[in-house]
N, C-alpha and C. Protein backbone atom coordinates (compact mmCIF):
# COMPACT_ATOMS: atom_id res chain seq x y z
N UNK A 1 24.37 52.96 -10.97
CA UNK A 1 23.39 53.02 -9.91
C UNK A 1 23.28 51.64 -9.26
N UNK A 2 23.45 51.56 -7.95
CA UNK A 2 23.43 50.27 -7.26
C UNK A 2 21.99 49.82 -7.05
N UNK A 3 21.77 48.48 -7.07
CA UNK A 3 20.41 47.96 -6.87
C UNK A 3 19.93 48.26 -5.47
N UNK A 4 18.62 48.43 -5.30
CA UNK A 4 18.10 48.72 -3.96
C UNK A 4 18.33 47.55 -3.02
N UNK A 5 18.50 47.88 -1.76
CA UNK A 5 18.70 46.83 -0.76
C UNK A 5 17.42 46.01 -0.60
N UNK A 6 17.60 44.69 -0.49
CA UNK A 6 16.46 43.81 -0.27
C UNK A 6 16.04 43.86 1.18
N UNK A 7 14.74 43.69 1.45
CA UNK A 7 14.32 43.61 2.85
C UNK A 7 15.03 42.45 3.54
N UNK A 8 15.22 42.57 4.84
CA UNK A 8 15.96 41.57 5.61
C UNK A 8 15.34 40.18 5.48
N UNK A 9 13.99 40.10 5.46
CA UNK A 9 13.31 38.79 5.40
C UNK A 9 13.66 38.06 4.11
N UNK A 10 13.72 38.81 2.98
CA UNK A 10 14.04 38.17 1.71
C UNK A 10 15.51 37.82 1.62
N UNK A 11 16.37 38.64 2.21
CA UNK A 11 17.80 38.38 2.17
C UNK A 11 18.18 37.13 2.95
N UNK A 12 17.40 36.79 3.99
CA UNK A 12 17.72 35.64 4.83
C UNK A 12 17.21 34.32 4.28
N UNK A 13 16.40 34.36 3.21
CA UNK A 13 15.85 33.12 2.66
C UNK A 13 16.97 32.31 2.02
N UNK A 14 17.05 31.04 2.41
CA UNK A 14 18.03 30.14 1.82
C UNK A 14 17.29 28.96 1.21
N UNK A 15 17.59 28.69 -0.05
CA UNK A 15 16.93 27.59 -0.75
C UNK A 15 17.75 26.32 -0.56
N UNK A 16 17.05 25.26 -0.19
CA UNK A 16 17.72 23.97 -0.02
C UNK A 16 16.99 22.91 -0.83
N UNK A 17 17.71 21.90 -1.25
CA UNK A 17 17.10 20.80 -2.00
C UNK A 17 16.23 19.97 -1.08
N UNK A 18 15.12 19.42 -1.58
CA UNK A 18 14.29 18.55 -0.74
C UNK A 18 15.04 17.26 -0.42
N UNK A 19 14.62 16.61 0.65
CA UNK A 19 15.26 15.35 1.06
C UNK A 19 15.10 14.31 -0.04
N UNK A 20 16.16 13.53 -0.24
CA UNK A 20 16.14 12.55 -1.33
C UNK A 20 15.14 11.43 -1.10
N UNK A 21 14.98 10.99 0.16
CA UNK A 21 14.09 9.88 0.46
C UNK A 21 12.66 10.11 0.02
N UNK A 22 12.02 11.19 0.48
CA UNK A 22 10.64 11.45 0.05
C UNK A 22 10.50 11.64 -1.46
N UNK A 23 11.48 12.32 -2.08
CA UNK A 23 11.41 12.55 -3.53
C UNK A 23 11.47 11.21 -4.27
N UNK A 24 12.37 10.34 -3.85
CA UNK A 24 12.48 9.02 -4.48
C UNK A 24 11.20 8.22 -4.29
N UNK A 25 10.61 8.30 -3.10
CA UNK A 25 9.38 7.55 -2.85
C UNK A 25 8.22 8.11 -3.68
N UNK A 26 8.15 9.44 -3.82
CA UNK A 26 7.11 10.03 -4.67
C UNK A 26 7.26 9.56 -6.11
N UNK A 27 8.49 9.46 -6.59
CA UNK A 27 8.73 8.99 -7.96
C UNK A 27 8.31 7.53 -8.11
N UNK A 28 8.66 6.71 -7.11
CA UNK A 28 8.28 5.30 -7.13
C UNK A 28 6.76 5.16 -7.13
N UNK A 29 6.10 5.92 -6.27
CA UNK A 29 4.64 5.86 -6.17
C UNK A 29 4.00 6.29 -7.48
N UNK A 30 4.54 7.31 -8.13
CA UNK A 30 4.00 7.76 -9.41
C UNK A 30 4.11 6.66 -10.47
N UNK A 31 5.26 6.00 -10.50
CA UNK A 31 5.46 4.91 -11.46
C UNK A 31 4.52 3.74 -11.18
N UNK A 32 4.41 3.38 -9.90
CA UNK A 32 3.54 2.27 -9.52
C UNK A 32 2.07 2.61 -9.77
N UNK A 33 1.70 3.85 -9.55
CA UNK A 33 0.32 4.28 -9.80
C UNK A 33 -0.03 4.13 -11.28
N UNK A 34 0.94 4.43 -12.14
CA UNK A 34 0.71 4.28 -13.58
C UNK A 34 0.48 2.81 -13.94
N UNK A 35 1.27 1.92 -13.32
CA UNK A 35 1.09 0.48 -13.59
C UNK A 35 -0.27 0.01 -13.11
N UNK A 36 -0.65 0.41 -11.90
CA UNK A 36 -1.95 0.01 -11.38
C UNK A 36 -3.09 0.56 -12.24
N UNK A 37 -2.93 1.76 -12.76
CA UNK A 37 -3.95 2.35 -13.61
C UNK A 37 -4.20 1.49 -14.84
N UNK A 38 -3.13 0.98 -15.43
CA UNK A 38 -3.26 0.11 -16.60
C UNK A 38 -4.05 -1.15 -16.25
N UNK A 39 -3.73 -1.76 -15.11
CA UNK A 39 -4.40 -2.99 -14.71
C UNK A 39 -5.87 -2.74 -14.36
N UNK A 40 -6.15 -1.61 -13.72
CA UNK A 40 -7.54 -1.27 -13.37
C UNK A 40 -8.35 -1.03 -14.64
N UNK A 41 -7.80 -0.28 -15.57
CA UNK A 41 -8.49 -0.01 -16.83
C UNK A 41 -8.76 -1.32 -17.58
N UNK A 42 -7.78 -2.21 -17.59
CA UNK A 42 -7.96 -3.51 -18.26
C UNK A 42 -9.08 -4.31 -17.61
N UNK A 43 -9.11 -4.28 -16.28
CA UNK A 43 -10.17 -5.02 -15.57
C UNK A 43 -11.54 -4.45 -15.92
N UNK A 44 -11.66 -3.12 -15.88
CA UNK A 44 -12.94 -2.47 -16.20
C UNK A 44 -13.35 -2.75 -17.65
N UNK A 45 -12.38 -2.72 -18.56
CA UNK A 45 -12.67 -2.93 -19.97
C UNK A 45 -13.24 -4.33 -20.23
N UNK A 46 -12.72 -5.32 -19.50
CA UNK A 46 -13.12 -6.71 -19.76
C UNK A 46 -14.27 -7.20 -18.87
N UNK A 47 -14.84 -6.35 -18.02
CA UNK A 47 -15.97 -6.76 -17.19
C UNK A 47 -17.14 -7.21 -18.08
N UNK A 48 -17.64 -8.39 -17.80
CA UNK A 48 -18.80 -8.91 -18.54
C UNK A 48 -18.49 -9.45 -19.91
N UNK A 49 -17.22 -9.54 -20.29
CA UNK A 49 -16.89 -10.01 -21.63
C UNK A 49 -16.42 -11.46 -21.65
N UNK A 50 -16.46 -12.13 -20.49
CA UNK A 50 -16.09 -13.54 -20.46
C UNK A 50 -17.19 -14.37 -21.11
N UNK A 51 -16.81 -15.25 -22.02
CA UNK A 51 -17.80 -16.08 -22.72
C UNK A 51 -18.24 -17.26 -21.87
N UNK A 52 -17.41 -17.65 -20.91
CA UNK A 52 -17.74 -18.76 -20.03
C UNK A 52 -17.66 -18.32 -18.58
N UNK A 53 -18.30 -19.08 -17.70
CA UNK A 53 -18.28 -18.76 -16.27
C UNK A 53 -17.04 -19.32 -15.60
N UNK A 54 -16.89 -19.05 -14.31
CA UNK A 54 -17.81 -18.28 -13.48
C UNK A 54 -17.63 -16.77 -13.67
N UNK A 55 -18.67 -16.04 -13.29
CA UNK A 55 -18.66 -14.58 -13.36
C UNK A 55 -18.41 -14.01 -11.96
N UNK A 56 -18.01 -12.73 -11.87
CA UNK A 56 -17.70 -12.12 -10.56
C UNK A 56 -18.83 -12.26 -9.54
N UNK A 57 -20.06 -12.01 -9.96
CA UNK A 57 -21.18 -12.07 -9.03
C UNK A 57 -21.45 -13.48 -8.52
N UNK A 58 -20.92 -14.49 -9.22
CA UNK A 58 -21.13 -15.88 -8.82
C UNK A 58 -20.15 -16.35 -7.75
N UNK A 59 -18.96 -15.76 -7.73
CA UNK A 59 -17.91 -16.34 -6.87
C UNK A 59 -17.27 -15.37 -5.87
N UNK A 60 -17.37 -14.07 -6.11
CA UNK A 60 -16.66 -13.13 -5.25
C UNK A 60 -17.44 -12.82 -3.99
N UNK A 61 -16.75 -12.82 -2.87
CA UNK A 61 -17.31 -12.38 -1.59
C UNK A 61 -16.62 -11.07 -1.23
N UNK A 62 -17.37 -10.12 -0.72
CA UNK A 62 -16.80 -8.81 -0.39
C UNK A 62 -15.96 -8.94 0.89
N UNK A 63 -14.65 -8.69 0.82
CA UNK A 63 -13.76 -8.88 1.98
C UNK A 63 -13.76 -7.66 2.92
N UNK A 64 -14.87 -7.44 3.59
CA UNK A 64 -15.00 -6.24 4.43
C UNK A 64 -14.02 -6.28 5.60
N UNK A 65 -13.97 -7.41 6.32
CA UNK A 65 -13.10 -7.51 7.50
C UNK A 65 -11.64 -7.27 7.13
N UNK A 66 -11.18 -7.92 6.08
CA UNK A 66 -9.77 -7.79 5.69
C UNK A 66 -9.46 -6.39 5.16
N UNK A 67 -10.45 -5.76 4.55
CA UNK A 67 -10.28 -4.37 4.10
C UNK A 67 -10.12 -3.44 5.30
N UNK A 68 -10.93 -3.66 6.33
CA UNK A 68 -10.82 -2.86 7.55
C UNK A 68 -9.44 -3.02 8.18
N UNK A 69 -8.95 -4.26 8.17
CA UNK A 69 -7.61 -4.52 8.72
C UNK A 69 -6.54 -3.72 7.98
N UNK A 70 -6.59 -3.76 6.65
CA UNK A 70 -5.57 -3.06 5.87
C UNK A 70 -5.66 -1.55 6.05
N UNK A 71 -6.87 -1.01 6.00
CA UNK A 71 -7.02 0.43 6.14
C UNK A 71 -6.65 0.89 7.55
N UNK A 72 -6.91 0.05 8.55
CA UNK A 72 -6.52 0.39 9.93
C UNK A 72 -5.01 0.45 10.07
N UNK A 73 -4.31 -0.34 9.26
CA UNK A 73 -2.85 -0.35 9.35
C UNK A 73 -2.24 0.99 8.93
N UNK A 74 -2.98 1.78 8.14
CA UNK A 74 -2.50 3.12 7.81
C UNK A 74 -2.48 4.01 9.05
N UNK A 75 -3.47 3.82 9.91
CA UNK A 75 -3.51 4.58 11.16
C UNK A 75 -2.40 4.14 12.11
N UNK A 76 -2.20 2.84 12.22
CA UNK A 76 -1.19 2.34 13.17
C UNK A 76 0.22 2.74 12.76
N UNK A 77 0.50 2.73 11.46
CA UNK A 77 1.85 3.12 11.03
C UNK A 77 2.06 4.62 11.22
N UNK A 78 0.97 5.39 11.08
CA UNK A 78 1.07 6.83 11.32
C UNK A 78 1.37 7.12 12.79
N UNK A 79 0.68 6.39 13.69
CA UNK A 79 0.95 6.53 15.12
C UNK A 79 2.39 6.14 15.43
N UNK A 80 2.86 5.06 14.79
CA UNK A 80 4.21 4.57 15.04
C UNK A 80 5.26 5.63 14.68
N UNK A 81 5.12 6.23 13.49
CA UNK A 81 6.08 7.25 13.05
C UNK A 81 6.05 8.45 13.99
N UNK A 82 4.86 8.86 14.40
CA UNK A 82 4.72 10.00 15.32
C UNK A 82 5.42 9.71 16.65
N UNK A 83 5.28 8.48 17.15
CA UNK A 83 5.94 8.10 18.40
C UNK A 83 7.45 8.08 18.26
N UNK A 84 7.94 7.63 17.10
CA UNK A 84 9.38 7.61 16.89
C UNK A 84 9.93 9.03 16.81
N UNK A 85 9.18 9.94 16.21
CA UNK A 85 9.60 11.34 16.17
C UNK A 85 9.71 11.93 17.57
N UNK A 86 8.91 11.41 18.49
CA UNK A 86 8.95 11.87 19.89
C UNK A 86 9.99 11.14 20.71
N UNK A 87 10.68 10.20 20.10
CA UNK A 87 11.72 9.46 20.81
C UNK A 87 11.21 8.28 21.62
N UNK A 88 9.95 7.91 21.44
CA UNK A 88 9.38 6.77 22.19
C UNK A 88 9.53 5.51 21.35
N UNK A 89 10.73 4.94 21.39
CA UNK A 89 11.07 3.82 20.52
C UNK A 89 10.27 2.57 20.87
N UNK A 90 10.09 2.30 22.15
CA UNK A 90 9.36 1.10 22.55
C UNK A 90 7.90 1.15 22.07
N UNK A 91 7.25 2.30 22.25
CA UNK A 91 5.87 2.45 21.77
C UNK A 91 5.82 2.39 20.25
N UNK A 92 6.84 2.96 19.62
CA UNK A 92 6.94 2.87 18.16
C UNK A 92 6.96 1.41 17.73
N UNK A 93 7.75 0.60 18.40
CA UNK A 93 7.88 -0.80 18.04
C UNK A 93 6.54 -1.53 18.15
N UNK A 94 5.77 -1.23 19.19
CA UNK A 94 4.48 -1.89 19.38
C UNK A 94 3.51 -1.55 18.25
N UNK A 95 3.42 -0.26 17.92
CA UNK A 95 2.51 0.15 16.84
C UNK A 95 2.99 -0.36 15.49
N UNK A 96 4.30 -0.41 15.32
CA UNK A 96 4.87 -0.92 14.06
C UNK A 96 4.54 -2.41 13.90
N UNK A 97 4.68 -3.16 15.00
CA UNK A 97 4.35 -4.59 14.96
C UNK A 97 2.86 -4.81 14.72
N UNK A 98 2.03 -3.92 15.26
CA UNK A 98 0.60 -4.01 15.01
C UNK A 98 0.29 -3.78 13.54
N UNK A 99 1.01 -2.85 12.93
CA UNK A 99 0.86 -2.60 11.49
C UNK A 99 1.19 -3.86 10.70
N UNK A 100 2.29 -4.51 11.08
CA UNK A 100 2.68 -5.76 10.40
C UNK A 100 1.61 -6.82 10.57
N UNK A 101 1.06 -6.94 11.78
CA UNK A 101 0.03 -7.95 12.03
C UNK A 101 -1.21 -7.70 11.18
N UNK A 102 -1.63 -6.44 11.09
CA UNK A 102 -2.81 -6.11 10.28
C UNK A 102 -2.57 -6.39 8.80
N UNK A 103 -1.38 -6.05 8.33
CA UNK A 103 -1.04 -6.33 6.93
C UNK A 103 -0.99 -7.83 6.66
N UNK A 104 -0.46 -8.59 7.61
CA UNK A 104 -0.38 -10.05 7.46
C UNK A 104 -1.77 -10.67 7.44
N UNK A 105 -2.68 -10.15 8.28
CA UNK A 105 -4.05 -10.66 8.29
C UNK A 105 -4.70 -10.41 6.92
N UNK A 106 -4.49 -9.22 6.37
CA UNK A 106 -5.05 -8.92 5.06
C UNK A 106 -4.50 -9.87 4.00
N UNK A 107 -3.19 -10.11 4.03
CA UNK A 107 -2.58 -10.99 3.04
C UNK A 107 -3.09 -12.42 3.19
N UNK A 108 -3.28 -12.84 4.44
CA UNK A 108 -3.84 -14.18 4.68
C UNK A 108 -5.27 -14.25 4.14
N UNK A 109 -6.01 -13.15 4.24
CA UNK A 109 -7.37 -13.11 3.69
C UNK A 109 -7.36 -13.26 2.18
N UNK A 110 -6.40 -12.62 1.53
CA UNK A 110 -6.27 -12.75 0.08
C UNK A 110 -5.96 -14.19 -0.31
N UNK A 111 -5.04 -14.82 0.43
CA UNK A 111 -4.67 -16.21 0.16
C UNK A 111 -5.87 -17.14 0.36
N UNK A 112 -6.64 -16.87 1.41
CA UNK A 112 -7.84 -17.68 1.68
C UNK A 112 -8.87 -17.53 0.56
N UNK A 113 -9.03 -16.29 0.08
CA UNK A 113 -9.96 -16.05 -1.02
C UNK A 113 -9.52 -16.79 -2.27
N UNK A 114 -8.23 -16.73 -2.57
CA UNK A 114 -7.72 -17.41 -3.76
C UNK A 114 -7.90 -18.91 -3.66
N UNK A 115 -7.66 -19.47 -2.47
CA UNK A 115 -7.85 -20.91 -2.29
C UNK A 115 -9.30 -21.29 -2.56
N UNK A 116 -10.22 -20.49 -2.05
CA UNK A 116 -11.65 -20.74 -2.28
C UNK A 116 -11.99 -20.66 -3.77
N UNK A 117 -11.47 -19.65 -4.44
CA UNK A 117 -11.78 -19.47 -5.86
C UNK A 117 -11.19 -20.58 -6.72
N UNK A 118 -9.98 -21.01 -6.39
CA UNK A 118 -9.31 -22.02 -7.21
C UNK A 118 -9.87 -23.42 -6.95
N UNK A 119 -9.96 -23.80 -5.68
CA UNK A 119 -10.33 -25.18 -5.36
C UNK A 119 -11.84 -25.41 -5.26
N UNK A 120 -12.57 -24.39 -4.80
CA UNK A 120 -14.02 -24.56 -4.64
C UNK A 120 -14.81 -24.09 -5.86
N UNK A 121 -14.34 -23.02 -6.51
CA UNK A 121 -15.08 -22.44 -7.63
C UNK A 121 -14.46 -22.75 -9.00
N UNK A 122 -13.24 -23.27 -8.99
CA UNK A 122 -12.59 -23.62 -10.26
C UNK A 122 -12.16 -22.42 -11.09
N UNK A 123 -11.95 -21.28 -10.42
CA UNK A 123 -11.52 -20.07 -11.15
C UNK A 123 -10.01 -19.94 -11.06
N UNK A 124 -9.34 -20.04 -12.19
CA UNK A 124 -7.89 -19.83 -12.24
C UNK A 124 -7.61 -18.67 -13.20
N UNK A 125 -6.35 -18.37 -13.35
CA UNK A 125 -5.98 -17.27 -14.24
C UNK A 125 -6.25 -17.62 -15.70
N UNK A 126 -6.42 -18.92 -16.00
CA UNK A 126 -6.65 -19.37 -17.38
C UNK A 126 -8.11 -19.70 -17.66
N UNK A 127 -8.98 -19.60 -16.66
CA UNK A 127 -10.38 -20.00 -16.85
C UNK A 127 -11.10 -19.14 -17.87
N UNK A 128 -11.03 -17.83 -17.68
CA UNK A 128 -11.70 -16.90 -18.59
C UNK A 128 -11.09 -15.51 -18.42
N UNK A 129 -11.65 -14.52 -19.11
CA UNK A 129 -11.11 -13.16 -19.02
C UNK A 129 -11.22 -12.61 -17.61
N UNK A 130 -12.32 -12.93 -16.93
CA UNK A 130 -12.48 -12.48 -15.55
C UNK A 130 -11.36 -13.02 -14.67
N UNK A 131 -11.07 -14.31 -14.78
CA UNK A 131 -10.00 -14.91 -13.99
C UNK A 131 -8.65 -14.27 -14.27
N UNK A 132 -8.38 -14.01 -15.55
CA UNK A 132 -7.10 -13.41 -15.93
C UNK A 132 -6.95 -12.01 -15.35
N UNK A 133 -7.97 -11.18 -15.52
CA UNK A 133 -7.86 -9.79 -15.05
C UNK A 133 -7.95 -9.71 -13.53
N UNK A 134 -8.76 -10.58 -12.93
CA UNK A 134 -8.90 -10.58 -11.47
C UNK A 134 -7.57 -10.92 -10.80
N UNK A 135 -6.99 -12.06 -11.18
CA UNK A 135 -5.74 -12.48 -10.54
C UNK A 135 -4.59 -11.52 -10.86
N UNK A 136 -4.63 -10.91 -12.04
CA UNK A 136 -3.57 -9.94 -12.39
C UNK A 136 -3.64 -8.71 -11.50
N UNK A 137 -4.86 -8.16 -11.35
CA UNK A 137 -5.02 -6.92 -10.57
C UNK A 137 -4.86 -7.17 -9.07
N UNK A 138 -5.59 -8.12 -8.54
CA UNK A 138 -5.50 -8.41 -7.10
C UNK A 138 -4.13 -8.98 -6.75
N UNK A 139 -3.57 -9.77 -7.66
CA UNK A 139 -2.24 -10.32 -7.44
C UNK A 139 -1.16 -9.26 -7.42
N UNK A 140 -1.30 -8.26 -8.30
CA UNK A 140 -0.35 -7.15 -8.30
C UNK A 140 -0.39 -6.42 -6.96
N UNK A 141 -1.60 -6.20 -6.45
CA UNK A 141 -1.71 -5.54 -5.14
C UNK A 141 -1.14 -6.40 -4.04
N UNK A 142 -1.44 -7.70 -4.06
CA UNK A 142 -0.91 -8.60 -3.03
C UNK A 142 0.62 -8.62 -3.05
N UNK A 143 1.20 -8.54 -4.24
CA UNK A 143 2.66 -8.49 -4.36
C UNK A 143 3.21 -7.24 -3.67
N UNK A 144 2.54 -6.11 -3.86
CA UNK A 144 3.00 -4.86 -3.23
C UNK A 144 2.83 -4.90 -1.72
N UNK A 145 1.75 -5.54 -1.25
CA UNK A 145 1.59 -5.71 0.19
C UNK A 145 2.72 -6.57 0.75
N UNK A 146 3.07 -7.63 0.03
CA UNK A 146 4.15 -8.52 0.47
C UNK A 146 5.47 -7.77 0.56
N UNK A 147 5.78 -6.98 -0.46
CA UNK A 147 7.02 -6.18 -0.44
C UNK A 147 7.00 -5.22 0.73
N UNK A 148 5.85 -4.56 0.95
CA UNK A 148 5.74 -3.64 2.08
C UNK A 148 5.93 -4.34 3.41
N UNK A 149 5.34 -5.53 3.56
CA UNK A 149 5.49 -6.28 4.81
C UNK A 149 6.95 -6.69 5.05
N UNK A 150 7.63 -7.09 4.00
CA UNK A 150 9.05 -7.45 4.15
C UNK A 150 9.87 -6.25 4.63
N UNK A 151 9.57 -5.08 4.09
CA UNK A 151 10.26 -3.86 4.52
C UNK A 151 9.93 -3.53 5.98
N UNK A 152 8.65 -3.66 6.34
CA UNK A 152 8.23 -3.38 7.72
C UNK A 152 8.87 -4.35 8.69
N UNK A 153 8.94 -5.62 8.31
CA UNK A 153 9.56 -6.64 9.18
C UNK A 153 11.04 -6.34 9.36
N UNK A 154 11.70 -5.90 8.29
CA UNK A 154 13.12 -5.55 8.39
C UNK A 154 13.34 -4.43 9.40
N UNK A 155 12.51 -3.39 9.34
CA UNK A 155 12.59 -2.29 10.30
C UNK A 155 12.31 -2.80 11.72
N UNK A 156 11.33 -3.70 11.85
CA UNK A 156 11.00 -4.24 13.17
C UNK A 156 12.18 -5.00 13.77
N UNK A 157 12.86 -5.77 12.95
CA UNK A 157 14.03 -6.53 13.42
C UNK A 157 15.11 -5.58 13.90
N UNK A 158 15.41 -4.56 13.11
CA UNK A 158 16.42 -3.58 13.52
C UNK A 158 16.00 -2.84 14.79
N UNK A 159 14.69 -2.61 14.93
CA UNK A 159 14.20 -1.94 16.14
C UNK A 159 14.40 -2.82 17.36
N UNK A 160 14.05 -4.09 17.25
CA UNK A 160 14.21 -5.02 18.37
C UNK A 160 15.67 -5.24 18.73
N UNK A 161 16.55 -5.07 17.76
CA UNK A 161 17.99 -5.20 18.03
C UNK A 161 18.60 -3.92 18.57
N UNK A 162 17.79 -2.85 18.64
CA UNK A 162 18.25 -1.60 19.23
C UNK A 162 18.93 -0.64 18.29
N UNK A 163 18.76 -0.85 16.97
CA UNK A 163 19.43 0.01 16.01
C UNK A 163 18.58 1.20 15.55
N UNK A 164 17.30 1.20 15.87
CA UNK A 164 16.41 2.28 15.43
C UNK A 164 16.27 3.30 16.55
N UNK A 165 16.52 4.57 16.19
CA UNK A 165 16.44 5.65 17.17
C UNK A 165 15.62 6.80 16.60
N UNK A 166 15.48 7.83 17.38
CA UNK A 166 14.63 8.97 17.01
C UNK A 166 15.07 9.60 15.70
N UNK A 167 16.36 9.64 15.45
CA UNK A 167 16.84 10.29 14.22
C UNK A 167 16.49 9.51 12.95
N UNK A 168 15.95 8.30 13.11
CA UNK A 168 15.55 7.49 11.95
C UNK A 168 14.07 7.69 11.60
N UNK A 169 13.41 8.63 12.26
CA UNK A 169 11.97 8.83 12.05
C UNK A 169 11.65 9.21 10.61
N UNK A 170 12.53 10.00 9.98
CA UNK A 170 12.26 10.42 8.60
C UNK A 170 12.27 9.22 7.66
N UNK A 171 13.18 8.28 7.89
CA UNK A 171 13.23 7.08 7.05
C UNK A 171 11.99 6.22 7.26
N UNK A 172 11.55 6.12 8.50
CA UNK A 172 10.32 5.37 8.78
C UNK A 172 9.13 6.02 8.11
N UNK A 173 9.14 7.34 8.07
CA UNK A 173 8.03 8.06 7.42
C UNK A 173 8.02 7.83 5.92
N UNK A 174 9.20 7.74 5.32
CA UNK A 174 9.28 7.46 3.88
C UNK A 174 8.66 6.09 3.59
N UNK A 175 8.98 5.11 4.43
CA UNK A 175 8.41 3.77 4.25
C UNK A 175 6.89 3.79 4.47
N UNK A 176 6.45 4.62 5.41
CA UNK A 176 5.01 4.72 5.66
C UNK A 176 4.28 5.30 4.45
N UNK A 177 4.95 6.14 3.67
CA UNK A 177 4.34 6.68 2.45
C UNK A 177 3.99 5.55 1.49
N UNK A 178 4.89 4.59 1.36
CA UNK A 178 4.63 3.43 0.49
C UNK A 178 3.43 2.64 1.01
N UNK A 179 3.38 2.45 2.33
CA UNK A 179 2.29 1.68 2.92
C UNK A 179 0.94 2.38 2.72
N UNK A 180 0.93 3.70 2.86
CA UNK A 180 -0.30 4.45 2.60
C UNK A 180 -0.73 4.30 1.15
N UNK A 181 0.24 4.30 0.25
CA UNK A 181 -0.05 4.13 -1.17
C UNK A 181 -0.71 2.77 -1.41
N UNK A 182 -0.17 1.73 -0.80
CA UNK A 182 -0.75 0.39 -0.95
C UNK A 182 -2.19 0.36 -0.46
N UNK A 183 -2.46 1.07 0.62
CA UNK A 183 -3.83 1.12 1.17
C UNK A 183 -4.77 1.88 0.24
N UNK A 184 -4.31 3.00 -0.30
CA UNK A 184 -5.14 3.78 -1.23
C UNK A 184 -5.45 2.97 -2.48
N UNK A 185 -4.46 2.26 -2.97
CA UNK A 185 -4.67 1.41 -4.16
C UNK A 185 -5.73 0.35 -3.86
N UNK A 186 -5.69 -0.20 -2.64
CA UNK A 186 -6.68 -1.22 -2.31
C UNK A 186 -8.10 -0.65 -2.33
N UNK A 187 -8.27 0.59 -1.91
CA UNK A 187 -9.59 1.21 -1.96
C UNK A 187 -10.10 1.21 -3.40
N UNK A 188 -9.23 1.56 -4.34
CA UNK A 188 -9.61 1.57 -5.76
C UNK A 188 -9.94 0.15 -6.23
N UNK A 189 -9.06 -0.81 -5.89
CA UNK A 189 -9.28 -2.20 -6.30
C UNK A 189 -10.58 -2.73 -5.70
N UNK A 190 -10.81 -2.42 -4.44
CA UNK A 190 -12.02 -2.88 -3.76
C UNK A 190 -13.27 -2.37 -4.46
N UNK A 191 -13.28 -1.09 -4.80
CA UNK A 191 -14.44 -0.51 -5.47
C UNK A 191 -14.65 -1.11 -6.85
N UNK A 192 -13.54 -1.25 -7.61
CA UNK A 192 -13.63 -1.74 -8.99
C UNK A 192 -14.02 -3.22 -9.03
N UNK A 193 -13.35 -4.04 -8.21
CA UNK A 193 -13.54 -5.49 -8.28
C UNK A 193 -14.77 -5.96 -7.52
N UNK A 194 -14.93 -5.48 -6.29
CA UNK A 194 -15.96 -6.07 -5.42
C UNK A 194 -17.28 -5.29 -5.38
N UNK A 195 -17.29 -4.08 -5.90
CA UNK A 195 -18.54 -3.31 -5.90
C UNK A 195 -19.01 -3.04 -7.33
N UNK A 196 -18.23 -2.30 -8.10
CA UNK A 196 -18.65 -1.94 -9.46
C UNK A 196 -18.63 -3.12 -10.40
N UNK A 197 -17.70 -4.04 -10.18
CA UNK A 197 -17.53 -5.15 -11.13
C UNK A 197 -18.42 -6.34 -10.90
N UNK A 198 -19.30 -6.29 -9.90
CA UNK A 198 -20.16 -7.46 -9.61
C UNK A 198 -21.52 -7.31 -10.25
């Protein structure tokens, strides 16, 4: 007895493997999220356990402006990718460069904060448990922002040289996934370090 004929809609379904770029980025983000989780838990565990000063409430200033800059860069990179998908390469370049500028401002804010903490407040990574966990967690995030900015600058250079076209939109979107991840991580760091930890 022959099997019954499948409906036409089911017969036409073709299964294809997902694109490698997004899958690889999801795997990277999962691994990086695990690392950040360890650092966040360590920071929370050691809050208030420093035997000597300074303490977070004594030296930390809430970086509202720089946080707004970084979170805004998630919007600008999203606009940039959307414009590239539409074939508007010049507009893409402008929004992409704006994303780089916002990320650079945030990184400069982190550097300014560290200079203030080290030279004005005397807080280094060896001062106490707070210094160790603070610089480890915020430094890990700053490192990821730096890596992201280097990748964004590389794309910007290729764009200005005329090598980026509409068909590269998927690759730009994969990179934007990393940038969104960096922004989401900062929200967690901001809440843990500058709100809950003070």
